[in-house]
Amino acid sequence: MKESLIDVDLIDLSLDVSDKENLFREVADSLRKKDYVYAEYANALNKREKEFPTGLATMSLNIALPHTDTEFIQKPFVFIARSKKAVEFLQMGDNQPLDCKHFLFLGIKDPKKQVGLLAALIELFGNERFVSDFKSVDTSLDMYNLLKEKI
């Protein structure tokens, strides 16, 4: 049986942040309380994001997929977040600014699985019907049900 990376407790669809640092701190605090990450996680997110931007522009949605090196992760997860305000990220590949309200924080313990998960998510967010469903979901339980079989 496949180990689930998502949990209804790892979904927050009402974050009230306006910049990456606060976004990373809020998510890190939540994950730390649940023993998913180590104390240095927020700083590691900031550092890695500066070196390797994680913004992704799809046809109808900008999303960011922040992640760190495996040493900052206690146990694997995907944390799904939505912000009330747009947060500026840079697009992976070309470093163009993107305003994002949707985020999937990837906590991978096995580096070999990270590329596969990123590729699967990029493919998923290329599906217009899925993106429409993803944008319209407004409860953590509904988001969990949408994603549980997909990641």
N, C-alpha and C. Protein backbone atom coordinates (compact mmCIF):
# COMPACT_ATOMS: atom_id res chain seq x y z
N MET A 1 0.83 -1.19 0.00
CA MET A 1 0.00 0.00 0.00
C MET A 1 0.88 1.25 0.00
N LYS A 2 0.50 2.21 -0.83
CA LYS A 2 1.26 3.45 -0.96
C LYS A 2 1.12 4.30 0.30
N GLU A 3 2.24 4.81 0.78
CA GLU A 3 2.22 5.70 1.94
C GLU A 3 1.64 7.05 1.51
N SER A 4 0.63 7.50 2.24
CA SER A 4 0.00 8.77 1.90
C SER A 4 0.87 9.93 2.37
N LEU A 5 1.04 10.90 1.49
CA LEU A 5 1.82 12.09 1.84
C LEU A 5 0.94 13.21 2.35
N ILE A 6 -0.38 13.07 2.17
CA ILE A 6 -1.27 14.14 2.61
C ILE A 6 -2.16 13.67 3.75
N ASP A 7 -2.62 14.65 4.50
CA ASP A 7 -3.51 14.41 5.63
C ASP A 7 -4.39 15.65 5.74
N VAL A 8 -5.60 15.46 6.17
CA VAL A 8 -6.51 16.60 6.29
C VAL A 8 -5.94 17.66 7.25
N ASP A 9 -5.12 17.24 8.20
CA ASP A 9 -4.49 18.19 9.14
C ASP A 9 -3.32 18.95 8.53
N LEU A 10 -2.96 18.61 7.30
CA LEU A 10 -1.86 19.29 6.61
C LEU A 10 -2.39 20.17 5.48
N ILE A 11 -3.58 20.71 5.70
CA ILE A 11 -4.22 21.58 4.71
C ILE A 11 -4.70 22.84 5.43
N ASP A 12 -4.29 23.99 4.90
CA ASP A 12 -4.75 25.28 5.43
C ASP A 12 -5.12 26.17 4.25
N LEU A 13 -6.41 26.40 4.08
CA LEU A 13 -6.90 27.15 2.92
C LEU A 13 -7.22 28.60 3.24
N SER A 14 -6.76 29.08 4.39
CA SER A 14 -7.10 30.46 4.78
C SER A 14 -5.93 31.21 5.43
N LEU A 15 -4.73 30.99 4.92
CA LEU A 15 -3.58 31.70 5.46
C LEU A 15 -3.70 33.19 5.17
N ASP A 16 -3.31 34.00 6.13
CA ASP A 16 -3.35 35.46 5.95
C ASP A 16 -1.92 35.99 6.00
N VAL A 17 -1.20 35.81 4.89
CA VAL A 17 0.19 36.25 4.78
C VAL A 17 0.35 37.05 3.50
N SER A 18 1.39 37.89 3.46
CA SER A 18 1.59 38.69 2.26
C SER A 18 3.00 38.58 1.68
N ASP A 19 3.86 37.78 2.33
CA ASP A 19 5.20 37.58 1.78
C ASP A 19 5.69 36.17 2.08
N LYS A 20 6.74 35.77 1.37
CA LYS A 20 7.26 34.41 1.49
C LYS A 20 7.73 34.09 2.90
N GLU A 21 8.42 35.04 3.54
CA GLU A 21 8.97 34.77 4.86
C GLU A 21 7.87 34.42 5.86
N ASN A 22 6.78 35.19 5.84
CA ASN A 22 5.66 34.89 6.75
C ASN A 22 4.95 33.60 6.37
N LEU A 23 4.80 33.37 5.08
CA LEU A 23 4.20 32.12 4.61
C LEU A 23 5.03 30.94 5.10
N PHE A 24 6.33 31.00 4.88
CA PHE A 24 7.20 29.89 5.29
C PHE A 24 7.17 29.70 6.80
N ARG A 25 7.16 30.79 7.55
CA ARG A 25 7.14 30.70 9.01
C ARG A 25 5.84 30.05 9.50
N GLU A 26 4.71 30.49 8.95
CA GLU A 26 3.41 29.93 9.37
C GLU A 26 3.33 28.43 9.09
N VAL A 27 3.72 28.05 7.88
CA VAL A 27 3.66 26.64 7.50
C VAL A 27 4.66 25.84 8.34
N ALA A 28 5.86 26.37 8.51
CA ALA A 28 6.88 25.68 9.31
C ALA A 28 6.40 25.48 10.75
N ASP A 29 5.78 26.50 11.33
CA ASP A 29 5.27 26.37 12.71
C ASP A 29 4.23 25.27 12.80
N SER A 30 3.34 25.22 11.84
CA SER A 30 2.31 24.19 11.83
C SER A 30 2.92 22.79 11.68
N LEU A 31 3.86 22.66 10.77
CA LEU A 31 4.51 21.36 10.56
C LEU A 31 5.37 20.96 11.75
N ARG A 32 6.01 21.92 12.37
CA ARG A 32 6.87 21.64 13.53
C ARG A 32 6.05 21.11 14.70
N LYS A 33 4.88 21.71 14.92
CA LYS A 33 4.00 21.25 16.02
C LYS A 33 3.55 19.81 15.82
N LYS A 34 3.52 19.36 14.58
CA LYS A 34 3.08 18.00 14.26
C LYS A 34 4.26 17.06 14.02
N ASP A 35 5.47 17.54 14.31
CA ASP A 35 6.70 16.74 14.18
C ASP A 35 6.99 16.25 12.77
N TYR A 36 6.68 17.08 11.77
CA TYR A 36 7.03 16.74 10.39
C TYR A 36 8.37 17.32 9.97
N VAL A 37 8.78 18.42 10.61
CA VAL A 37 10.02 19.10 10.20
C VAL A 37 10.84 19.49 11.43
N TYR A 38 12.10 19.78 11.17
CA TYR A 38 12.99 20.25 12.23
C TYR A 38 12.93 21.78 12.32
N ALA A 39 13.47 22.31 13.39
CA ALA A 39 13.37 23.74 13.69
C ALA A 39 13.93 24.64 12.58
N GLU A 40 14.90 24.16 11.82
CA GLU A 40 15.55 24.98 10.79
C GLU A 40 14.78 25.02 9.48
N TYR A 41 13.62 24.38 9.43
CA TYR A 41 12.88 24.22 8.17
C TYR A 41 12.55 25.54 7.48
N ALA A 42 12.02 26.52 8.20
CA ALA A 42 11.64 27.80 7.57
C ALA A 42 12.85 28.49 6.94
N ASN A 43 13.96 28.51 7.65
CA ASN A 43 15.18 29.11 7.10
C ASN A 43 15.67 28.35 5.87
N ALA A 44 15.55 27.03 5.92
CA ALA A 44 15.96 26.21 4.78
C ALA A 44 15.08 26.48 3.56
N LEU A 45 13.78 26.68 3.78
CA LEU A 45 12.88 27.03 2.68
C LEU A 45 13.31 28.34 2.03
N ASN A 46 13.55 29.36 2.86
CA ASN A 46 13.97 30.67 2.33
C ASN A 46 15.25 30.55 1.51
N LYS A 47 16.22 29.83 2.05
CA LYS A 47 17.51 29.70 1.37
C LYS A 47 17.35 28.97 0.04
N ARG A 48 16.64 27.86 0.06
CA ARG A 48 16.49 27.08 -1.17
C ARG A 48 15.68 27.83 -2.22
N GLU A 49 14.65 28.55 -1.79
CA GLU A 49 13.80 29.29 -2.72
C GLU A 49 14.61 30.37 -3.45
N LYS A 50 15.57 30.97 -2.76
CA LYS A 50 16.42 31.99 -3.40
C LYS A 50 17.32 31.37 -4.47
N GLU A 51 17.76 30.14 -4.23
CA GLU A 51 18.65 29.46 -5.17
C GLU A 51 17.89 28.77 -6.29
N PHE A 52 16.77 28.14 -5.94
CA PHE A 52 15.99 27.34 -6.88
C PHE A 52 14.51 27.70 -6.75
N PRO A 53 14.04 28.72 -7.47
CA PRO A 53 12.64 29.14 -7.35
C PRO A 53 11.68 28.00 -7.69
N THR A 54 10.50 28.03 -7.04
CA THR A 54 9.55 26.93 -7.19
C THR A 54 8.19 27.36 -7.73
N GLY A 55 8.08 28.58 -8.24
CA GLY A 55 6.82 29.01 -8.82
C GLY A 55 6.54 28.27 -10.12
N LEU A 56 5.26 28.02 -10.39
CA LEU A 56 4.85 27.30 -11.59
C LEU A 56 3.61 27.98 -12.15
N ALA A 57 3.72 28.47 -13.37
CA ALA A 57 2.57 29.09 -14.04
C ALA A 57 1.90 28.04 -14.92
N THR A 58 0.62 27.78 -14.66
CA THR A 58 -0.14 26.89 -15.53
C THR A 58 -1.11 27.76 -16.32
N MET A 59 -1.93 27.13 -17.14
CA MET A 59 -2.85 27.90 -17.98
C MET A 59 -3.77 28.81 -17.18
N SER A 60 -4.21 28.33 -16.02
CA SER A 60 -5.21 29.11 -15.29
C SER A 60 -4.91 29.25 -13.80
N LEU A 61 -3.67 28.94 -13.39
CA LEU A 61 -3.34 29.01 -11.97
C LEU A 61 -1.83 29.13 -11.79
N ASN A 62 -1.43 30.04 -10.92
CA ASN A 62 -0.03 30.10 -10.49
C ASN A 62 0.05 29.38 -9.15
N ILE A 63 1.03 28.50 -9.04
CA ILE A 63 1.20 27.72 -7.81
C ILE A 63 2.70 27.67 -7.50
N ALA A 64 3.03 27.49 -6.24
CA ALA A 64 4.43 27.30 -5.86
C ALA A 64 4.55 25.96 -5.15
N LEU A 65 5.69 25.31 -5.34
CA LEU A 65 5.95 23.99 -4.78
C LEU A 65 7.21 24.03 -3.91
N PRO A 66 7.20 24.81 -2.83
CA PRO A 66 8.40 24.96 -2.00
C PRO A 66 8.84 23.64 -1.37
N HIS A 67 10.15 23.44 -1.33
CA HIS A 67 10.70 22.26 -0.68
C HIS A 67 12.14 22.54 -0.26
N THR A 68 12.66 21.68 0.59
CA THR A 68 14.02 21.84 1.11
C THR A 68 14.79 20.55 0.89
N ASP A 69 16.02 20.56 1.33
CA ASP A 69 16.79 19.33 1.35
C ASP A 69 16.20 18.39 2.40
N THR A 70 16.43 17.11 2.23
CA THR A 70 15.81 16.09 3.07
C THR A 70 16.21 16.17 4.54
N GLU A 71 17.36 16.75 4.84
CA GLU A 71 17.84 16.79 6.22
C GLU A 71 16.94 17.59 7.16
N PHE A 72 16.04 18.42 6.60
CA PHE A 72 15.15 19.24 7.42
C PHE A 72 13.78 18.60 7.63
N ILE A 73 13.60 17.42 7.08
CA ILE A 73 12.31 16.72 7.12
C ILE A 73 12.38 15.55 8.09
N GLN A 74 11.41 15.47 9.01
CA GLN A 74 11.35 14.35 9.94
C GLN A 74 10.58 13.18 9.34
N LYS A 75 9.44 13.48 8.72
CA LYS A 75 8.66 12.43 8.05
C LYS A 75 7.99 13.04 6.81
N PRO A 76 7.78 12.23 5.78
CA PRO A 76 7.30 12.74 4.50
C PRO A 76 5.90 13.34 4.58
N PHE A 77 5.67 14.38 3.76
CA PHE A 77 4.37 15.05 3.75
C PHE A 77 4.22 15.90 2.49
N VAL A 78 2.99 16.27 2.21
CA VAL A 78 2.67 17.38 1.31
C VAL A 78 1.70 18.25 2.09
N PHE A 79 2.07 19.51 2.32
CA PHE A 79 1.23 20.47 3.03
C PHE A 79 0.60 21.38 1.98
N ILE A 80 -0.72 21.42 1.94
CA ILE A 80 -1.44 22.23 0.96
C ILE A 80 -1.89 23.52 1.64
N ALA A 81 -1.56 24.65 1.02
CA ALA A 81 -1.90 25.94 1.60
C ALA A 81 -2.47 26.87 0.54
N ARG A 82 -3.36 27.74 1.00
CA ARG A 82 -3.91 28.81 0.15
C ARG A 82 -3.87 30.08 0.97
N SER A 83 -3.40 31.15 0.34
CA SER A 83 -3.31 32.44 1.01
C SER A 83 -4.42 33.36 0.53
N LYS A 84 -4.92 34.17 1.46
CA LYS A 84 -5.95 35.16 1.09
C LYS A 84 -5.37 36.21 0.15
N LYS A 85 -4.07 36.50 0.31
CA LYS A 85 -3.39 37.50 -0.52
C LYS A 85 -2.34 36.80 -1.38
N ALA A 86 -2.07 37.37 -2.52
CA ALA A 86 -1.03 36.82 -3.39
C ALA A 86 0.35 37.05 -2.77
N VAL A 87 1.21 36.07 -2.95
CA VAL A 87 2.60 36.13 -2.48
C VAL A 87 3.48 35.98 -3.72
N GLU A 88 4.46 36.87 -3.85
CA GLU A 88 5.32 36.80 -5.03
C GLU A 88 6.36 35.70 -4.90
N PHE A 89 6.40 34.84 -5.92
CA PHE A 89 7.41 33.81 -6.08
C PHE A 89 8.07 34.04 -7.43
N LEU A 90 9.17 33.39 -7.67
CA LEU A 90 9.78 33.40 -8.99
C LEU A 90 9.50 32.06 -9.66
N GLN A 91 9.28 32.12 -10.97
CA GLN A 91 8.97 30.90 -11.70
C GLN A 91 10.22 30.04 -11.84
N MET A 92 10.05 28.73 -11.65
CA MET A 92 11.18 27.83 -11.84
C MET A 92 11.59 27.88 -13.31
N GLY A 93 12.88 27.89 -13.52
CA GLY A 93 13.38 27.91 -14.89
C GLY A 93 13.77 29.28 -15.39
N ASP A 94 12.81 30.24 -15.40
CA ASP A 94 13.14 31.54 -15.98
C ASP A 94 13.14 32.70 -14.98
N ASN A 95 12.83 32.42 -13.71
CA ASN A 95 12.88 33.43 -12.63
C ASN A 95 11.96 34.63 -12.84
N GLN A 96 10.91 34.48 -13.64
CA GLN A 96 9.94 35.56 -13.81
C GLN A 96 9.05 35.63 -12.57
N PRO A 97 8.68 36.84 -12.12
CA PRO A 97 7.81 36.96 -10.94
C PRO A 97 6.41 36.39 -11.20
N LEU A 98 5.89 35.71 -10.21
CA LEU A 98 4.54 35.14 -10.26
C LEU A 98 3.82 35.47 -8.96
N ASP A 99 2.59 35.92 -9.04
CA ASP A 99 1.77 36.09 -7.85
C ASP A 99 1.04 34.78 -7.59
N CYS A 100 1.30 34.18 -6.44
CA CYS A 100 0.73 32.87 -6.10
C CYS A 100 -0.14 32.97 -4.86
N LYS A 101 -1.24 32.25 -4.87
CA LYS A 101 -2.08 32.09 -3.69
C LYS A 101 -2.17 30.62 -3.26
N HIS A 102 -1.67 29.74 -4.10
CA HIS A 102 -1.78 28.30 -3.87
C HIS A 102 -0.39 27.70 -3.74
N PHE A 103 -0.22 26.83 -2.73
CA PHE A 103 1.10 26.28 -2.43
C PHE A 103 1.00 24.82 -2.02
N LEU A 104 1.93 24.03 -2.51
CA LEU A 104 2.10 22.67 -2.04
C LEU A 104 3.53 22.56 -1.53
N PHE A 105 3.66 22.43 -0.22
CA PHE A 105 4.98 22.28 0.40
C PHE A 105 5.31 20.79 0.39
N LEU A 106 6.44 20.45 -0.21
CA LEU A 106 6.82 19.05 -0.38
C LEU A 106 7.87 18.68 0.64
N GLY A 107 7.56 17.71 1.46
CA GLY A 107 8.51 17.21 2.46
C GLY A 107 8.89 15.79 2.11
N ILE A 108 10.00 15.64 1.44
CA ILE A 108 10.42 14.33 0.95
C ILE A 108 11.66 13.88 1.71
N LYS A 109 11.63 12.66 2.22
CA LYS A 109 12.78 12.09 2.94
C LYS A 109 13.75 11.40 1.98
N ASP A 110 13.22 10.80 0.92
CA ASP A 110 14.04 10.07 -0.05
C ASP A 110 14.25 10.95 -1.28
N PRO A 111 15.47 11.46 -1.49
CA PRO A 111 15.71 12.38 -2.62
C PRO A 111 15.33 11.79 -3.98
N LYS A 112 15.39 10.47 -4.12
CA LYS A 112 15.05 9.84 -5.39
C LYS A 112 13.57 10.04 -5.73
N LYS A 113 12.74 10.23 -4.73
CA LYS A 113 11.30 10.38 -4.96
C LYS A 113 10.89 11.82 -5.28
N GLN A 114 11.78 12.78 -5.01
CA GLN A 114 11.42 14.19 -5.17
C GLN A 114 11.14 14.55 -6.62
N VAL A 115 12.00 14.12 -7.54
CA VAL A 115 11.81 14.46 -8.95
C VAL A 115 10.52 13.85 -9.47
N GLY A 116 10.23 12.61 -9.10
CA GLY A 116 8.99 11.96 -9.53
C GLY A 116 7.76 12.68 -9.01
N LEU A 117 7.79 13.11 -7.77
CA LEU A 117 6.65 13.83 -7.19
C LEU A 117 6.48 15.18 -7.89
N LEU A 118 7.56 15.90 -8.11
CA LEU A 118 7.48 17.18 -8.81
C LEU A 118 6.89 16.99 -10.21
N ALA A 119 7.36 15.99 -10.93
CA ALA A 119 6.86 15.73 -12.28
C ALA A 119 5.37 15.39 -12.26
N ALA A 120 4.96 14.57 -11.29
CA ALA A 120 3.54 14.19 -11.18
C ALA A 120 2.67 15.41 -10.88
N LEU A 121 3.15 16.29 -10.01
CA LEU A 121 2.38 17.50 -9.67
C LEU A 121 2.30 18.45 -10.85
N ILE A 122 3.39 18.61 -11.58
CA ILE A 122 3.39 19.49 -12.75
C ILE A 122 2.39 18.95 -13.78
N GLU A 123 2.38 17.65 -13.98
CA GLU A 123 1.40 17.04 -14.90
C GLU A 123 -0.03 17.25 -14.40
N LEU A 124 -0.25 17.03 -13.12
CA LEU A 124 -1.57 17.20 -12.53
C LEU A 124 -2.08 18.62 -12.72
N PHE A 125 -1.23 19.60 -12.48
CA PHE A 125 -1.65 21.00 -12.60
C PHE A 125 -1.69 21.48 -14.05
N GLY A 126 -1.34 20.60 -14.97
CA GLY A 126 -1.54 20.87 -16.39
C GLY A 126 -2.91 20.43 -16.86
N ASN A 127 -3.65 19.74 -16.00
CA ASN A 127 -4.99 19.25 -16.32
C ASN A 127 -6.01 20.32 -15.92
N GLU A 128 -6.67 20.89 -16.92
CA GLU A 128 -7.56 22.03 -16.68
C GLU A 128 -8.73 21.68 -15.74
N ARG A 129 -9.29 20.49 -15.89
CA ARG A 129 -10.41 20.10 -15.03
C ARG A 129 -9.96 19.99 -13.57
N PHE A 130 -8.79 19.36 -13.37
CA PHE A 130 -8.26 19.25 -12.01
C PHE A 130 -8.02 20.63 -11.41
N VAL A 131 -7.42 21.53 -12.18
CA VAL A 131 -7.12 22.88 -11.70
C VAL A 131 -8.40 23.60 -11.31
N SER A 132 -9.44 23.45 -12.12
CA SER A 132 -10.73 24.07 -11.80
C SER A 132 -11.28 23.54 -10.48
N ASP A 133 -11.22 22.23 -10.30
CA ASP A 133 -11.67 21.62 -9.03
C ASP A 133 -10.81 22.11 -7.87
N PHE A 134 -9.50 22.14 -8.07
CA PHE A 134 -8.56 22.56 -7.03
C PHE A 134 -8.86 23.99 -6.57
N LYS A 135 -9.11 24.88 -7.52
CA LYS A 135 -9.39 26.28 -7.19
C LYS A 135 -10.72 26.46 -6.47
N SER A 136 -11.69 25.61 -6.77
CA SER A 136 -13.04 25.81 -6.21
C SER A 136 -13.23 25.16 -4.84
N VAL A 137 -12.37 24.24 -4.47
CA VAL A 137 -12.48 23.58 -3.16
C VAL A 137 -12.33 24.61 -2.05
N ASP A 138 -13.21 24.55 -1.03
CA ASP A 138 -13.10 25.55 0.04
C ASP A 138 -13.03 24.96 1.44
N THR A 139 -12.93 23.64 1.57
CA THR A 139 -12.72 23.06 2.90
C THR A 139 -11.52 22.10 2.85
N SER A 140 -10.89 21.93 3.98
CA SER A 140 -9.74 21.03 4.07
C SER A 140 -10.13 19.60 3.70
N LEU A 141 -11.31 19.17 4.15
CA LEU A 141 -11.74 17.80 3.86
C LEU A 141 -11.97 17.61 2.36
N ASP A 142 -12.60 18.58 1.71
CA ASP A 142 -12.82 18.47 0.27
C ASP A 142 -11.49 18.47 -0.49
N MET A 143 -10.53 19.27 -0.05
CA MET A 143 -9.21 19.29 -0.68
C MET A 143 -8.52 17.95 -0.49
N TYR A 144 -8.60 17.41 0.71
CA TYR A 144 -8.02 16.09 0.98
C TYR A 144 -8.63 15.05 0.05
N ASN A 145 -9.95 15.05 -0.07
CA ASN A 145 -10.63 14.08 -0.93
C ASN A 145 -10.24 14.24 -2.39
N LEU A 146 -10.01 15.46 -2.83
CA LEU A 146 -9.59 15.71 -4.21
C LEU A 146 -8.19 15.15 -4.47
N LEU A 147 -7.31 15.28 -3.49
CA LEU A 147 -5.89 14.95 -3.71
C LEU A 147 -5.46 13.58 -3.22
N LYS A 148 -6.23 12.93 -2.36
CA LYS A 148 -5.73 11.72 -1.68
C LYS A 148 -5.33 10.60 -2.63
N GLU A 149 -5.99 10.47 -3.76
CA GLU A 149 -5.64 9.40 -4.70
C GLU A 149 -4.61 9.85 -5.73
N LYS A 150 -4.31 11.14 -5.74
CA LYS A 150 -3.45 11.67 -6.80
C LYS A 150 -2.00 11.87 -6.37
N ILE A 151 -1.77 12.08 -5.07
CA ILE A 151 -0.38 12.27 -4.61
C ILE A 151 -0.09 11.40 -3.41
